Amino acid sequence: MTDVNLKWYFRRPVLLLIFLSFGPLVLPLVWLHPQFSRKTKVVLSALVLVLSYFAAVMTMRFVSGLQDEFRRLTQ
């Protein structure tokens, strides 16, 4: 089965777009993907989870910095 024969939601650019938009919500599509081996699924899952963790940490730091700046400006 080539990439052309895959349903649109299993194509790699779509998976990348879903990951960039919704993070770990792409994991069910990774695990249902008919062409990925178990090893590929495990590696992709670990990568998605690690990147999502770092994105969450960076978002929390950014929000905390904004809150501190807002407090400083309103005093």
PDB file of N, CA and C in Angstrom:
ATOM      1  N   MET A   1       0.856  -1.189   0.000  1.00  0.00           N
ATOM      2  CA  MET A   1       0.000   0.000   0.000  1.00  0.00           C
ATOM      3  C   MET A   1       0.892   1.239   0.000  1.00  0.00           C
ATOM      4  N   THR A   2       0.781   2.041  -1.004  1.00  0.00           N
ATOM      5  CA  THR A   2       1.584   3.261  -1.082  1.00  0.00           C
ATOM      6  C   THR A   2       0.854   4.390  -0.372  1.00  0.00           C
ATOM      7  N   ASP A   3       1.568   5.484  -0.225  1.00  0.00           N
ATOM      8  CA  ASP A   3       0.987   6.654   0.444  1.00  0.00           C
ATOM      9  C   ASP A   3      -0.239   7.173  -0.307  1.00  0.00           C
ATOM     10  N   VAL A   4      -0.273   6.960  -1.613  1.00  0.00           N
ATOM     11  CA  VAL A   4      -1.396   7.427  -2.432  1.00  0.00           C
ATOM     12  C   VAL A   4      -2.661   6.633  -2.115  1.00  0.00           C
ATOM     13  N   ASN A   5      -2.509   5.359  -1.790  1.00  0.00           N
ATOM     14  CA  ASN A   5      -3.663   4.503  -1.498  1.00  0.00           C
ATOM     15  C   ASN A   5      -4.199   4.668  -0.082  1.00  0.00           C
ATOM     16  N   LEU A   6      -3.490   5.398   0.756  1.00  0.00           N
ATOM     17  CA  LEU A   6      -3.923   5.586   2.139  1.00  0.00           C
ATOM     18  C   LEU A   6      -5.075   6.575   2.209  1.00  0.00           C
ATOM     19  N   LYS A   7      -5.891   6.407   3.225  1.00  0.00           N
ATOM     20  CA  LYS A   7      -6.923   7.408   3.484  1.00  0.00           C
ATOM     21  C   LYS A   7      -6.221   8.720   3.841  1.00  0.00           C
ATOM     22  N   TRP A   8      -6.901   9.826   3.597  1.00  0.00           N
ATOM     23  CA  TRP A   8      -6.275  11.136   3.768  1.00  0.00           C
ATOM     24  C   TRP A   8      -5.743  11.357   5.173  1.00  0.00           C
ATOM     25  N   TYR A   9      -6.416  10.811   6.183  1.00  0.00           N
ATOM     26  CA  TYR A   9      -5.999  11.069   7.565  1.00  0.00           C
ATOM     27  C   TYR A   9      -4.813  10.213   8.000  1.00  0.00           C
ATOM     28  N   PHE A  10      -4.358   9.292   7.159  1.00  0.00           N
ATOM     29  CA  PHE A  10      -3.157   8.516   7.451  1.00  0.00           C
ATOM     30  C   PHE A  10      -1.935   9.038   6.702  1.00  0.00           C
ATOM     31  N   ARG A  11      -2.098  10.008   5.845  1.00  0.00           N
ATOM     32  CA  ARG A  11      -0.959  10.536   5.094  1.00  0.00           C
ATOM     33  C   ARG A  11      -0.043  11.325   6.025  1.00  0.00           C
ATOM     34  N   ARG A  12       1.232  11.216   5.796  1.00  0.00           N
ATOM     35  CA  ARG A  12       2.216  11.804   6.707  1.00  0.00           C
ATOM     36  C   ARG A  12       2.086  13.314   6.881  1.00  0.00           C
ATOM     37  N   PRO A  13       1.848  14.092   5.822  1.00  0.00           N
ATOM     38  CA  PRO A  13       1.681  15.542   6.045  1.00  0.00           C
ATOM     39  C   PRO A  13       0.469  15.860   6.931  1.00  0.00           C
ATOM     40  N   VAL A  14      -0.584  15.086   6.797  1.00  0.00           N
ATOM     41  CA  VAL A  14      -1.772  15.303   7.633  1.00  0.00           C
ATOM     42  C   VAL A  14      -1.456  14.952   9.080  1.00  0.00           C
ATOM     43  N   LEU A  15      -0.735  13.847   9.289  1.00  0.00           N
ATOM     44  CA  LEU A  15      -0.345  13.477  10.658  1.00  0.00           C
ATOM     45  C   LEU A  15       0.520  14.562  11.280  1.00  0.00           C
ATOM     46  N   LEU A  16       1.440  15.117  10.508  1.00  0.00           N
ATOM     47  CA  LEU A  16       2.291  16.192  11.021  1.00  0.00           C
ATOM     48  C   LEU A  16       1.461  17.425  11.358  1.00  0.00           C
ATOM     49  N   LEU A  17       0.521  17.775  10.497  1.00  0.00           N
ATOM     50  CA  LEU A  17      -0.345  18.924  10.756  1.00  0.00           C
ATOM     51  C   LEU A  17      -1.190  18.703  12.015  1.00  0.00           C
ATOM     52  N   ILE A  18      -1.721  17.505  12.181  1.00  0.00           N
ATOM     53  CA  ILE A  18      -2.514  17.204  13.377  1.00  0.00           C
ATOM     54  C   ILE A  18      -1.631  17.291  14.620  1.00  0.00           C
ATOM     55  N   PHE A  19      -0.405  16.765  14.534  1.00  0.00           N
ATOM     56  CA  PHE A  19       0.491  16.853  15.683  1.00  0.00           C
ATOM     57  C   PHE A  19       0.792  18.304  16.038  1.00  0.00           C
ATOM     58  N   LEU A  20       1.094  19.112  15.036  1.00  0.00           N
ATOM     59  CA  LEU A  20       1.418  20.516  15.303  1.00  0.00           C
ATOM     60  C   LEU A  20       0.214  21.284  15.835  1.00  0.00           C
ATOM     61  N   SER A  21      -0.985  20.859  15.478  1.00  0.00           N
ATOM     62  CA  SER A  21      -2.191  21.545  15.930  1.00  0.00           C
ATOM     63  C   SER A  21      -2.718  21.022  17.255  1.00  0.00           C
ATOM     64  N   PHE A  22      -2.671  19.714  17.439  1.00  0.00           N
ATOM     65  CA  PHE A  22      -3.343  19.104  18.589  1.00  0.00           C
ATOM     66  C   PHE A  22      -2.449  18.220  19.455  1.00  0.00           C
ATOM     67  N   GLY A  23      -1.168  18.182  19.159  1.00  0.00           N
ATOM     68  CA  GLY A  23      -0.223  17.444  19.985  1.00  0.00           C
ATOM     69  C   GLY A  23      -0.510  15.961  20.089  1.00  0.00           C
ATOM     70  N   PRO A  24      -0.619  15.455  21.311  1.00  0.00           N
ATOM     71  CA  PRO A  24      -0.737  14.010  21.510  1.00  0.00           C
ATOM     72  C   PRO A  24      -2.052  13.409  21.013  1.00  0.00           C
ATOM     73  N   LEU A  25      -2.979  14.231  20.563  1.00  0.00           N
ATOM     74  CA  LEU A  25      -4.222  13.680  20.016  1.00  0.00           C
ATOM     75  C   LEU A  25      -3.996  12.965  18.687  1.00  0.00           C
ATOM     76  N   VAL A  26      -2.788  13.060  18.148  1.00  0.00           N
ATOM     77  CA  VAL A  26      -2.451  12.348  16.919  1.00  0.00           C
ATOM     78  C   VAL A  26      -2.116  10.875  17.196  1.00  0.00           C
ATOM     79  N   LEU A  27      -1.895  10.512  18.440  1.00  0.00           N
ATOM     80  CA  LEU A  27      -1.444   9.157  18.756  1.00  0.00           C
ATOM     81  C   LEU A  27      -2.396   8.045  18.293  1.00  0.00           C
ATOM     82  N   PRO A  28      -3.712   8.192  18.411  1.00  0.00           N
ATOM     83  CA  PRO A  28      -4.565   7.113  17.874  1.00  0.00           C
ATOM     84  C   PRO A  28      -4.364   6.882  16.376  1.00  0.00           C
ATOM     85  N   LEU A  29      -4.142   7.941  15.622  1.00  0.00           N
ATOM     86  CA  LEU A  29      -3.893   7.760  14.192  1.00  0.00           C
ATOM     87  C   LEU A  29      -2.554   7.098  13.936  1.00  0.00           C
ATOM     88  N   VAL A  30      -1.577   7.388  14.777  1.00  0.00           N
ATOM     89  CA  VAL A  30      -0.276   6.724  14.645  1.00  0.00           C
ATOM     90  C   VAL A  30      -0.445   5.224  14.880  1.00  0.00           C
ATOM     91  N   TRP A  31      -1.182   4.858  15.914  1.00  0.00           N
ATOM     92  CA  TRP A  31      -1.328   3.445  16.244  1.00  0.00           C
ATOM     93  C   TRP A  31      -2.246   2.702  15.285  1.00  0.00           C
ATOM     94  N   LEU A  32      -3.143   3.401  14.617  1.00  0.00           N
ATOM     95  CA  LEU A  32      -4.009   2.760  13.635  1.00  0.00           C
ATOM     96  C   LEU A  32      -3.415   2.747  12.224  1.00  0.00           C
ATOM     97  N   HIS A  33      -2.299   3.442  12.037  1.00  0.00           N
ATOM     98  CA  HIS A  33      -1.679   3.553  10.716  1.00  0.00           C
ATOM     99  C   HIS A  33      -1.277   2.160  10.217  1.00  0.00           C
ATOM    100  N   PRO A  34      -1.754   1.771   9.047  1.00  0.00           N
ATOM    101  CA  PRO A  34      -1.498   0.406   8.567  1.00  0.00           C
ATOM    102  C   PRO A  34      -0.069   0.144   8.106  1.00  0.00           C
ATOM    103  N   GLN A  35       0.712   1.169   7.805  1.00  0.00           N
ATOM    104  CA  GLN A  35       2.073   0.960   7.288  1.00  0.00           C
ATOM    105  C   GLN A  35       3.159   1.040   8.350  1.00  0.00           C
ATOM    106  N   PHE A  36       2.864   1.574   9.506  1.00  0.00           N
ATOM    107  CA  PHE A  36       3.892   1.723  10.534  1.00  0.00           C
ATOM    108  C   PHE A  36       4.085   0.409  11.275  1.00  0.00           C
ATOM    109  N   SER A  37       5.356   0.045  11.493  1.00  0.00           N
ATOM    110  CA  SER A  37       5.662  -1.139  12.306  1.00  0.00           C
ATOM    111  C   SER A  37       5.464  -0.801  13.779  1.00  0.00           C
ATOM    112  N   ARG A  38       5.451  -1.821  14.613  1.00  0.00           N
ATOM    113  CA  ARG A  38       5.298  -1.592  16.056  1.00  0.00           C
ATOM    114  C   ARG A  38       6.439  -0.730  16.582  1.00  0.00           C
ATOM    115  N   LYS A  39       7.646  -0.974  16.116  1.00  0.00           N
ATOM    116  CA  LYS A  39       8.803  -0.182  16.554  1.00  0.00           C
ATOM    117  C   LYS A  39       8.610   1.286  16.176  1.00  0.00           C
ATOM    118  N   THR A  40       8.163   1.545  14.960  1.00  0.00           N
ATOM    119  CA  THR A  40       7.921   2.920  14.514  1.00  0.00           C
ATOM    120  C   THR A  40       6.846   3.575  15.363  1.00  0.00           C
ATOM    121  N   LYS A  41       5.801   2.844  15.679  1.00  0.00           N
ATOM    122  CA  LYS A  41       4.715   3.387  16.491  1.00  0.00           C
ATOM    123  C   LYS A  41       5.199   3.749  17.891  1.00  0.00           C
ATOM    124  N   VAL A  42       6.033   2.895  18.471  1.00  0.00           N
ATOM    125  CA  VAL A  42       6.570   3.170  19.811  1.00  0.00           C
ATOM    126  C   VAL A  42       7.481   4.391  19.784  1.00  0.00           C
ATOM    127  N   VAL A  43       8.359   4.465  18.781  1.00  0.00           N
ATOM    128  CA  VAL A  43       9.283   5.593  18.681  1.00  0.00           C
ATOM    129  C   VAL A  43       8.512   6.892  18.450  1.00  0.00           C
ATOM    130  N   LEU A  44       7.548   6.875  17.527  1.00  0.00           N
ATOM    131  CA  LEU A  44       6.750   8.077  17.277  1.00  0.00           C
ATOM    132  C   LEU A  44       5.948   8.491  18.506  1.00  0.00           C
ATOM    133  N   SER A  45       5.404   7.516  19.216  1.00  0.00           N
ATOM    134  CA  SER A  45       4.638   7.831  20.426  1.00  0.00           C
ATOM    135  C   SER A  45       5.520   8.486  21.476  1.00  0.00           C
ATOM    136  N   ALA A  46       6.717   7.942  21.670  1.00  0.00           N
ATOM    137  CA  ALA A  46       7.641   8.525  22.644  1.00  0.00           C
ATOM    138  C   ALA A  46       8.033   9.941  22.225  1.00  0.00           C
ATOM    139  N   LEU A  47       8.307  10.117  20.945  1.00  0.00           N
ATOM    140  CA  LEU A  47       8.676  11.435  20.440  1.00  0.00           C
ATOM    141  C   LEU A  47       7.542  12.439  20.628  1.00  0.00           C
ATOM    142  N   VAL A  48       6.325  12.042  20.308  1.00  0.00           N
ATOM    143  CA  VAL A  48       5.163  12.926  20.469  1.00  0.00           C
ATOM    144  C   VAL A  48       4.980  13.292  21.937  1.00  0.00           C
ATOM    145  N   LEU A  49       5.103  12.322  22.822  1.00  0.00           N
ATOM    146  CA  LEU A  49       4.907  12.596  24.250  1.00  0.00           C
ATOM    147  C   LEU A  49       5.994  13.513  24.805  1.00  0.00           C
ATOM    148  N   VAL A  50       7.238  13.292  24.412  1.00  0.00           N
ATOM    149  CA  VAL A  50       8.342  14.141  24.891  1.00  0.00           C
ATOM    150  C   VAL A  50       8.175  15.568  24.364  1.00  0.00           C
ATOM    151  N   LEU A  51       7.896  15.708  23.077  1.00  0.00           N
ATOM    152  CA  LEU A  51       7.714  17.044  22.507  1.00  0.00           C
ATOM    153  C   LEU A  51       6.499  17.752  23.111  1.00  0.00           C
ATOM    154  N   SER A  52       5.434  17.007  23.372  1.00  0.00           N
ATOM    155  CA  SER A  52       4.246  17.603  23.988  1.00  0.00           C
ATOM    156  C   SER A  52       4.540  18.047  25.418  1.00  0.00           C
ATOM    157  N   TYR A  53       5.325  17.265  26.143  1.00  0.00           N
ATOM    158  CA  TYR A  53       5.705  17.639  27.503  1.00  0.00           C
ATOM    159  C   TYR A  53       6.482  18.966  27.489  1.00  0.00           C
ATOM    160  N   PHE A  54       7.492  19.047  26.609  1.00  0.00           N
ATOM    161  CA  PHE A  54       8.290  20.268  26.549  1.00  0.00           C
ATOM    162  C   PHE A  54       7.461  21.460  26.088  1.00  0.00           C
ATOM    163  N   ALA A  55       6.535  21.243  25.188  1.00  0.00           N
ATOM    164  CA  ALA A  55       5.657  22.336  24.753  1.00  0.00           C
ATOM    165  C   ALA A  55       4.784  22.813  25.916  1.00  0.00           C
ATOM    166  N   ALA A  56       4.291  21.884  26.723  1.00  0.00           N
ATOM    167  CA  ALA A  56       3.473  22.258  27.882  1.00  0.00           C
ATOM    168  C   ALA A  56       4.299  23.034  28.905  1.00  0.00           C
ATOM    169  N   VAL A  57       5.518  22.576  29.154  1.00  0.00           N
ATOM    170  CA  VAL A  57       6.395  23.273  30.111  1.00  0.00           C
ATOM    171  C   VAL A  57       6.706  24.685  29.613  1.00  0.00           C
ATOM    172  N   MET A  58       7.023  24.817  28.342  1.00  0.00           N
ATOM    173  CA  MET A  58       7.327  26.136  27.796  1.00  0.00           C
ATOM    174  C   MET A  58       6.097  27.045  27.838  1.00  0.00           C
ATOM    175  N   THR A  59       4.920  26.497  27.593  1.00  0.00           N
ATOM    176  CA  THR A  59       3.692  27.294  27.666  1.00  0.00           C
ATOM    177  C   THR A  59       3.451  27.777  29.089  1.00  0.00           C
ATOM    178  N   MET A  60       3.654  26.899  30.072  1.00  0.00           N
ATOM    179  CA  MET A  60       3.457  27.301  31.470  1.00  0.00           C
ATOM    180  C   MET A  60       4.456  28.390  31.870  1.00  0.00           C
ATOM    181  N   ARG A  61       5.697  28.270  31.415  1.00  0.00           N
ATOM    182  CA  ARG A  61       6.690  29.309  31.719  1.00  0.00           C
ATOM    183  C   ARG A  61       6.316  30.635  31.062  1.00  0.00           C
ATOM    184  N   PHE A  62       5.827  30.570  29.838  1.00  0.00           N
ATOM    185  CA  PHE A  62       5.428  31.782  29.136  1.00  0.00           C
ATOM    186  C   PHE A  62       4.266  32.465  29.842  1.00  0.00           C
ATOM    187  N   VAL A  63       3.266  31.697  30.238  1.00  0.00           N
ATOM    188  CA  VAL A  63       2.102  32.260  30.935  1.00  0.00           C
ATOM    189  C   VAL A  63       2.528  32.839  32.284  1.00  0.00           C
ATOM    190  N   SER A  64       3.401  32.143  32.989  1.00  0.00           N
ATOM    191  CA  SER A  64       3.892  32.648  34.265  1.00  0.00           C
ATOM    192  C   SER A  64       4.637  33.974  34.071  1.00  0.00           C
ATOM    193  N   GLY A  65       5.450  34.060  33.043  1.00  0.00           N
ATOM    194  CA  GLY A  65       6.153  35.309  32.747  1.00  0.00           C
ATOM    195  C   GLY A  65       5.199  36.436  32.396  1.00  0.00           C
ATOM    196  N   LEU A  66       4.150  36.122  31.642  1.00  0.00           N
ATOM    197  CA  LEU A  66       3.147  37.141  31.323  1.00  0.00           C
ATOM    198  C   LEU A  66       2.428  37.624  32.583  1.00  0.00           C
ATOM    199  N   GLN A  67       2.102  36.700  33.475  1.00  0.00           N
ATOM    200  CA  GLN A  67       1.441  37.080  34.718  1.00  0.00           C
ATOM    201  C   GLN A  67       2.341  37.973  35.558  1.00  0.00           C
ATOM    202  N   ASP A  68       3.614  37.621  35.652  1.00  0.00           N
ATOM    203  CA  ASP A  68       4.556  38.447  36.410  1.00  0.00           C
ATOM    204  C   ASP A  68       4.679  39.841  35.802  1.00  0.00           C
ATOM    205  N   GLU A  69       4.764  39.897  34.481  1.00  0.00           N
ATOM    206  CA  GLU A  69       4.869  41.196  33.800  1.00  0.00           C
ATOM    207  C   GLU A  69       3.599  42.020  34.001  1.00  0.00           C
ATOM    208  N   PHE A  70       2.438  41.381  33.944  1.00  0.00           N
ATOM    209  CA  PHE A  70       1.190  42.095  34.160  1.00  0.00           C
ATOM    210  C   PHE A  70       1.103  42.647  35.579  1.00  0.00           C
ATOM    211  N   ARG A  71       1.542  41.837  36.567  1.00  0.00           N
ATOM    212  CA  ARG A  71       1.546  42.308  37.962  1.00  0.00           C
ATOM    213  C   ARG A  71       2.478  43.517  38.113  1.00  0.00           C
ATOM    214  N   ARG A  72       3.641  43.432  37.482  1.00  0.00           N
ATOM    215  CA  ARG A  72       4.611  44.517  37.559  1.00  0.00           C
ATOM    216  C   ARG A  72       4.050  45.798  36.943  1.00  0.00           C
ATOM    217  N   LEU A  73       3.344  45.669  35.833  1.00  0.00           N
ATOM    218  CA  LEU A  73       2.797  46.835  35.165  1.00  0.00           C
ATOM    219  C   LEU A  73       1.617  47.453  35.916  1.00  0.00           C
ATOM    220  N   THR A  74       0.873  46.661  36.656  1.00  0.00           N
ATOM    221  CA  THR A  74      -0.317  47.173  37.345  1.00  0.00           C
ATOM    222  C   THR A  74       0.013  47.684  38.747  1.00  0.00           C
ATOM    223  N   GLN A  75       1.233  47.577  39.190  1.00  0.00           N
ATOM    224  CA  GLN A  75       1.573  48.077  40.521  1.00  0.00           C
ATOM    225  C   GLN A  75       2.012  49.513  40.489  1.00  0.00           C
TER     226      GLN A  75
END
